[in-house]
Protein backbone atom coordinates (compact mmCIF):
# COMPACT_ATOMS: atom_id res chain seq x y z
CA MET A 1 72.73 61.54 2.09
CA PRO A 2 71.27 62.71 -0.98
CA SER A 3 70.46 59.53 -3.58
CA PRO A 4 72.99 59.54 -7.05
CA ASP A 5 69.98 61.12 -8.77
CA SER A 6 70.04 64.01 -6.27
CA TRP A 7 73.78 64.58 -6.18
CA SER A 8 73.59 64.94 -9.83
CA ILE A 9 70.88 67.63 -9.31
CA TRP A 10 72.91 69.21 -6.75
CA THR A 11 75.98 69.56 -8.82
CA ASP A 12 74.24 71.24 -11.84
CA ARG A 13 72.95 73.58 -9.21
CA PHE A 14 76.77 74.15 -7.77
CA ALA A 15 78.11 74.14 -11.51
CA ASP A 16 75.56 76.79 -12.42
CA PHE A 17 76.11 79.18 -9.20
CA LEU A 18 79.72 79.25 -9.90
CA ASP A 19 79.15 80.22 -13.41
CA ALA A 20 77.50 83.30 -12.66
CA GLN A 21 80.85 84.28 -10.58
CA ALA A 22 83.30 83.06 -13.03
CA ALA A 23 84.30 86.51 -13.78
CA ASP A 24 85.58 87.10 -10.48
CA ALA A 25 87.54 83.54 -10.63
CA ASP A 26 91.37 83.61 -11.55
CA ALA A 27 93.55 80.75 -13.68
CA ALA A 28 94.40 78.89 -10.29
CA HIS A 29 90.51 79.01 -8.92
CA ASP A 30 89.02 77.94 -12.05
CA ARG A 31 86.53 75.23 -12.42
CA ALA A 32 89.03 72.45 -13.13
CA HIS A 33 90.54 73.55 -9.33
CA VAL A 34 87.01 73.07 -8.13
CA THR A 35 86.46 70.12 -9.32
CA ARG A 36 89.70 68.75 -8.34
CA VAL A 37 89.12 69.69 -5.25
CA VAL A 38 85.57 67.93 -4.63
CA THR A 39 86.84 64.75 -6.05
CA THR A 40 89.78 64.84 -3.55
CA ALA A 41 87.50 65.91 -0.84
CA ARG A 42 85.24 62.87 -1.61
CA ARG A 43 88.00 60.86 -1.71
CA LEU A 44 89.51 61.84 1.92
CA ALA A 45 85.96 61.79 3.00
CA GLU A 46 85.50 58.09 2.99
CA ASP A 47 88.77 57.79 4.26
CA GLU A 48 87.91 59.76 7.28
CA GLU A 49 83.87 58.78 7.38
CA ALA A 50 83.20 62.28 6.88
CA GLN A 51 79.64 63.62 6.01
CA MET A 52 79.10 63.98 2.70
CA ASP A 53 76.21 66.07 2.75
CA VAL A 54 78.58 68.66 4.22
CA VAL A 55 81.89 68.03 2.41
CA VAL A 56 80.68 67.78 -1.04
CA PRO A 57 78.77 71.14 -1.16
CA ALA A 58 81.79 72.70 0.82
CA ALA A 59 83.99 71.68 -1.86
CA TRP A 60 82.19 72.80 -5.08
CA LEU A 61 81.22 76.40 -2.95
CA HIS A 62 84.68 76.75 -1.57
CA ASP A 63 85.83 79.42 -3.95
CA CYS A 64 82.66 80.59 -4.69
CA VAL A 65 84.13 84.55 -3.75
CA VAL A 66 87.44 85.09 -5.34
CA VAL A 67 89.60 87.46 -3.96
CA PRO A 68 92.93 88.36 -5.68
CA LYS A 69 96.34 87.04 -4.00
CA ASP A 70 97.47 90.30 -3.92
CA ALA A 71 94.45 92.18 -2.45
CA PRO A 72 94.50 93.96 0.79
CA ASP A 73 91.43 92.05 1.53
CA ARG A 74 92.64 88.54 0.48
CA ALA A 75 92.26 87.28 4.06
CA GLU A 76 88.24 87.89 3.63
CA ALA A 77 88.09 85.46 0.82
CA SER A 78 86.64 82.51 2.85
CA ARG A 79 84.46 84.15 5.17
CA ARG A 80 82.81 85.75 2.13
CA ALA A 81 82.55 82.54 0.15
CA ALA A 82 80.90 80.79 3.33
CA GLU A 83 78.39 83.49 3.51
CA ALA A 84 77.68 83.43 -0.14
CA ALA A 85 77.58 79.51 -0.19
CA ARG A 86 75.17 79.90 2.43
CA THR A 87 72.40 82.09 1.13
CA PHE A 88 72.76 80.14 -2.37
CA LEU A 89 72.05 77.05 -0.18
CA LYS A 90 68.94 78.47 1.47
CA SER A 91 67.69 79.60 -1.54
CA GLU A 92 68.08 76.35 -3.30
CA GLY A 93 66.44 74.76 -0.23
CA TYR A 94 69.32 72.38 0.76
CA PRO A 95 68.60 70.63 3.98
CA ASP A 96 69.12 73.31 6.60
CA GLN A 97 70.52 70.65 9.05
CA TRP A 98 73.79 70.92 6.92
CA ILE A 99 74.35 74.60 6.01
CA PRO A 100 76.11 75.79 9.48
CA ASP A 101 78.83 72.69 9.20
CA ILE A 102 79.01 73.75 5.48
CA GLU A 103 79.58 77.27 6.15
CA HIS A 104 81.69 76.65 8.85
CA ALA A 105 83.73 74.08 6.33
CA ILE A 106 84.23 76.94 3.90
CA ALA A 107 85.35 79.46 6.26
CA ALA A 108 88.25 77.23 7.45
CA HIS A 109 89.63 76.13 4.04
CA SER A 110 91.71 79.06 3.61
CA TYR A 111 95.58 79.15 4.49
CA SER A 112 95.21 83.22 4.39
CA GLY A 113 91.84 83.18 6.46
CA ASP A 114 93.31 81.51 9.42
CA VAL A 115 90.27 79.76 10.50
CA ALA A 116 90.92 76.59 12.59
CA PRO A 117 88.78 73.43 11.26
CA ASP A 118 86.54 72.59 13.73
CA THR A 119 84.84 69.41 12.28
CA THR A 120 85.83 66.24 10.42
CA GLU A 121 84.43 67.70 7.23
CA ALA A 122 86.14 71.14 7.54
CA LYS A 123 89.47 69.25 7.97
CA VAL A 124 88.69 67.01 4.88
CA VAL A 125 87.64 70.12 2.34
CA GLN A 126 91.05 72.31 3.98
CA ASP A 127 93.28 69.41 3.31
CA ALA A 128 91.70 68.68 -0.38
CA ASP A 129 92.32 72.45 -1.49
CA ARG A 130 95.81 72.12 -0.05
CA LEU A 131 96.52 69.02 -1.91
CA ASP A 132 95.68 71.27 -5.22
CA ALA A 133 98.57 73.39 -4.00
CA LEU A 134 101.19 70.68 -3.94
CA GLY A 135 102.80 67.85 -6.67
CA ALA A 136 102.74 68.82 -10.67
CA ILE A 137 99.23 70.59 -9.91
CA GLY A 138 100.60 72.76 -7.40
CA ILE A 139 103.84 73.87 -9.23
CA ALA A 140 101.48 74.59 -12.19
CA ARG A 141 98.82 76.87 -10.68
CA CYS A 142 101.76 78.43 -8.62
CA PHE A 143 103.60 79.81 -11.80
CA THR A 144 100.20 80.28 -13.30
CA VAL A 145 99.67 83.23 -9.97
CA GLY A 146 103.09 84.27 -10.23
CA GLY A 147 102.73 85.32 -13.86
CA ALA A 148 99.27 86.84 -13.62
CA LEU A 149 101.14 89.01 -10.69
CA ASP A 150 103.87 89.94 -12.96
CA GLN A 151 106.01 88.56 -10.44
CA SER A 152 109.97 87.52 -11.61
CA LEU A 153 110.48 83.86 -11.76
CA TYR A 154 113.32 84.09 -9.00
CA ASP A 155 115.84 85.83 -7.60
CA PRO A 156 118.76 85.60 -9.76
CA ASP A 157 121.61 86.16 -6.81
CA ASP A 158 120.01 83.60 -4.41
CA PRO A 159 116.82 81.42 -6.33
CA PHE A 160 116.31 79.02 -3.74
CA CYS A 161 116.67 81.10 -0.68
CA ASP A 162 119.88 79.74 0.81
CA ASP A 163 120.69 82.86 2.62
CA ARG A 164 117.74 85.22 2.77
CA ALA A 165 114.17 84.72 3.65
CA PRO A 166 111.39 84.04 1.11
CA ASP A 167 109.76 86.85 -0.69
CA ASP A 168 106.88 85.65 -2.54
CA ASP A 169 105.57 88.84 -3.05
CA THR A 170 108.40 89.33 -5.57
CA TYR A 171 109.28 85.94 -6.55
CA THR A 172 107.55 83.22 -7.64
CA LEU A 173 109.72 80.20 -6.96
CA ASP A 174 110.00 81.85 -3.19
CA HIS A 175 106.32 80.49 -2.52
CA PHE A 176 107.72 77.06 -2.56
CA TYR A 177 109.90 78.11 0.69
CA ALA A 178 107.00 80.77 1.97
CA LYS A 179 103.99 78.44 1.96
CA LEU A 180 104.07 74.96 -0.29
CA LEU A 181 106.96 73.32 1.25
CA ARG A 182 105.03 73.93 4.95
CA LEU A 183 101.71 72.63 3.90
CA PRO A 184 102.49 68.85 4.59
CA ASP A 185 102.84 70.01 8.42
CA THR A 186 99.53 71.60 8.46
CA MET A 187 97.43 68.78 7.23
CA GLN A 188 94.73 67.85 9.38
CA THR A 189 93.99 64.25 8.44
CA GLU A 190 96.16 61.03 8.09
CA ALA A 191 95.18 60.50 4.49
CA GLY A 192 96.06 63.88 3.22
CA ARG A 193 98.92 64.06 5.34
CA ALA A 194 100.30 60.94 3.69
CA LYS A 195 99.21 62.29 0.41
CA ALA A 196 100.72 65.96 1.03
CA GLU A 197 104.34 64.40 1.45
CA ARG A 198 104.17 62.55 -1.26
CA ARG A 199 103.50 65.46 -3.46
CA ALA A 200 105.95 67.64 -1.38
CA ALA A 201 108.75 65.24 -2.49
CA PHE A 202 108.09 66.07 -6.30
CA LEU A 203 108.18 69.81 -5.37
CA ARG A 204 111.38 69.10 -3.61
CA GLU A 205 112.55 66.92 -6.78
CA TYR A 206 111.27 69.81 -9.25
CA LEU A 207 113.59 72.15 -7.43
CA ASP A 208 116.41 69.87 -7.19
CA GLN A 209 116.19 70.02 -11.17
CA LEU A 210 115.77 73.45 -11.50
CA ARG A 211 118.76 73.91 -9.25
CA ASP A 212 121.14 71.87 -11.52
CA GLU A 213 120.05 73.56 -14.48
CA ILE A 214 120.13 77.47 -13.59
CA THR A 215 123.27 77.19 -11.15
CA PRO A 216 126.45 78.43 -13.42
CA ALA A 217 129.09 75.77 -13.91
């Protein structure tokens, strides 16, 4: 594992690389999202005894290629990010022994990419990214994306999908039911699952409060 001083140097390199891609990032996949995922991934890696030399670069670079949520090739984003990360790491002289596992962890992190994580490190990075879609920050990110896509907040006839299938291409709130509340069941690590359950409980509390506020008397 790199020394603390070496990690500081690599962190600067990762950040500089991301800055060069910043024009492609949306508000829900900005530097703040990346740093949160890195922090969470480090914590999960400690719990799972995962290799930091794989987890840290993969967490930093997992969204180095961003494809808009409504783009037809959205599912290709993680694969493209993995390829871009591999090219970058090789050009910067990162140890070759870790690059294939870093590439896999990035390719496997995405919900839409549908790539199964085959290593502990990939499972850690996937969980860290999905945790950022839950809890208070997950709510904020969800509505940020919905606003950017010019979606309606909710279906006024059935806001909480009580009698219809979720349509999160049209209504932002439907994304809670289409994806977010399902994330705890997809978590790959024990620590990640526990965190996801707590954050999903917060989402349910939010929905209960919202139902109370918008349901006609």
